[in-house]
Protein backbone atom coordinates (compact mmCIF):
# COMPACT_ATOMS: atom_id res chain seq x y z
CA MET A 1 20.05 223.12 174.92
CA VAL A 2 16.36 222.32 175.28
CA LYS A 3 15.35 220.83 178.62
CA LEU A 4 12.89 217.98 178.26
CA LEU A 5 9.92 217.59 180.55
CA GLU A 6 9.95 214.48 182.73
CA SER A 7 7.11 212.95 180.69
CA GLU A 8 9.07 213.59 177.46
CA GLU A 9 12.14 211.91 178.95
CA THR A 10 10.02 208.93 179.95
CA LEU A 11 8.48 208.75 176.50
CA ASN A 12 11.91 208.97 174.84
CA ALA A 13 13.24 206.19 177.07
CA THR A 14 10.20 204.04 176.25
CA PHE A 15 10.60 204.40 172.50
CA GLN A 16 14.37 203.91 172.74
CA ALA A 17 13.79 200.68 174.65
CA LEU A 18 11.13 199.52 172.18
CA ALA A 19 13.40 200.23 169.20
CA ASP A 20 15.38 197.06 169.83
CA PRO A 21 13.82 193.76 168.60
CA THR A 22 15.40 191.74 171.44
CA ARG A 23 13.80 194.00 174.04
CA ARG A 24 10.43 193.80 172.30
CA LYS A 25 10.69 189.98 172.37
CA ILE A 26 11.54 190.10 176.08
CA LEU A 27 8.43 192.20 176.71
CA MET A 28 6.34 189.71 174.74
CA GLN A 29 7.66 186.92 176.98
CA LEU A 30 6.61 188.90 180.04
CA VAL A 31 3.05 189.34 178.77
CA SER A 32 2.30 185.81 179.97
CA GLY A 33 3.70 186.50 183.45
CA GLU A 34 6.86 187.12 185.39
CA ALA A 35 10.09 185.30 184.54
CA THR A 36 13.64 185.06 185.80
CA VAL A 37 16.62 186.38 183.86
CA ILE A 38 17.59 182.79 182.99
CA GLN A 39 14.08 182.10 181.64
CA LEU A 40 14.14 185.31 179.62
CA ALA A 41 17.57 184.47 178.18
CA GLU A 42 16.57 180.95 176.98
CA PRO A 43 15.22 181.92 173.52
CA PHE A 44 18.24 184.09 172.71
CA GLN A 45 21.76 183.13 171.75
CA MET A 46 23.13 185.68 174.17
CA SER A 47 25.05 185.67 177.42
CA LEU A 48 23.33 186.43 180.72
CA PRO A 49 25.23 189.73 180.98
CA GLY A 50 23.94 190.59 177.51
CA ILE A 51 20.33 189.92 178.52
CA SER A 52 20.92 191.83 181.76
CA LYS A 53 21.92 194.91 179.76
CA HIS A 54 18.65 194.71 177.83
CA LEU A 55 16.73 194.30 181.08
CA LYS A 56 18.42 197.38 182.55
CA VAL A 57 17.29 199.45 179.56
CA LEU A 58 13.73 198.14 179.94
CA GLU A 59 13.79 198.78 183.68
CA LYS A 60 15.15 202.31 183.26
CA ALA A 61 12.35 203.02 180.77
CA GLY A 62 9.81 201.82 183.34
CA LEU A 63 8.66 198.94 181.14
CA ILE A 64 9.61 196.19 183.60
CA GLU A 65 10.36 195.83 187.26
CA LYS A 66 12.40 193.24 189.08
CA GLY A 67 11.00 191.47 192.09
CA LYS A 68 12.76 190.91 195.36
CA ALA A 69 12.19 187.14 195.60
CA ALA A 70 15.51 185.75 196.86
CA GLN A 71 18.28 185.49 194.29
CA PHE A 72 15.98 184.92 191.32
CA ARG A 73 14.70 188.50 191.04
CA PRO A 74 11.83 187.72 188.68
CA CYS A 75 11.00 190.38 186.11
CA ARG A 76 7.47 191.52 185.41
CA LEU A 77 5.89 193.78 182.83
CA LYS A 78 4.78 197.29 183.85
CA VAL A 79 2.10 198.59 181.53
CA GLU A 80 2.05 202.23 182.64
CA ALA A 81 4.90 203.31 180.33
CA LEU A 82 3.34 201.40 177.44
CA LYS A 83 0.03 203.14 178.08
CA GLU A 84 1.74 206.53 178.01
CA ALA A 85 3.39 205.68 174.68
CA ASN A 86 0.10 204.42 173.30
CA ASP A 87 -1.69 207.61 174.39
CA TRP A 88 0.97 209.69 172.63
CA LEU A 89 0.64 207.62 169.45
CA GLU A 90 -3.15 207.81 169.62
CA GLN A 91 -3.00 211.59 169.09
CA TYR A 92 -1.23 211.06 165.80
CA LYS A 93 -3.50 208.23 164.79
CA LYS A 94 -6.51 210.54 165.10
CA LEU A 95 -4.71 213.26 163.14
CA TRP A 96 -3.86 210.90 160.27
CA GLU A 97 -7.32 209.34 160.25
CA GLU A 98 -8.84 212.82 159.85
CA ARG A 99 -6.42 213.69 157.05
CA LEU A 100 -7.06 210.42 155.25
CA ASP A 101 -10.83 210.90 155.58
CA ARG A 102 -10.49 214.35 153.97
CA LEU A 103 -8.33 212.89 151.21
CA ASP A 104 -10.89 210.13 150.63
CA ALA A 105 -13.71 212.69 150.39
CA TYR A 106 -11.64 214.78 147.97
CA LEU A 107 -10.90 211.78 145.75
CA ILE A 108 -14.58 210.80 145.67
CA GLU A 109 -15.50 214.34 144.61
CA LEU A 110 -12.74 214.28 142.00
CA GLN A 111 -14.05 211.01 140.55
CA LYS A 112 -17.59 212.37 140.47
CA SER A 113 -16.47 215.50 138.62
CA LYS A 114 -14.50 213.42 136.10
CA GLY A 115 -17.55 211.24 135.55
CA LYS A 116 -19.60 214.33 134.60
CA ASN A 117 -17.10 215.38 131.91
C-alpha cells in the first residue's frame, strides 16, 4: 500500500469535502463571516445532526474551524486549505493552457497550409 504524504492527505481531504454540494454551500455562507450551526442549517432541509456531520468533514479537511464562544461555537472559514488546493490546480491549469496554445498554433498553421492549396 502506498503511503501518502501529509500534504497529499490534506489535499485529498479538501477535495473530498468540496465534492459535496451541501458542504460547498456551507463554505459559501461562511465567506461573509462566521456563523453558528443553527444559522448554517437554516437554508437546508436537514437536521442539526446532519449539518454537524458536514461540518465535521469540513473541519477535518481544515476548511473551517469552530470558535470557543460559549455554547454557540461559531464556525469560520479557513482559507489555507483552499489555497493549497488552488495551488495544486494551478499547476494543471498552466499545463493545459500550454497544450491548448500549442494546439491553437498548430490549427492556425494547418489552416494556412490548406489556404495555399
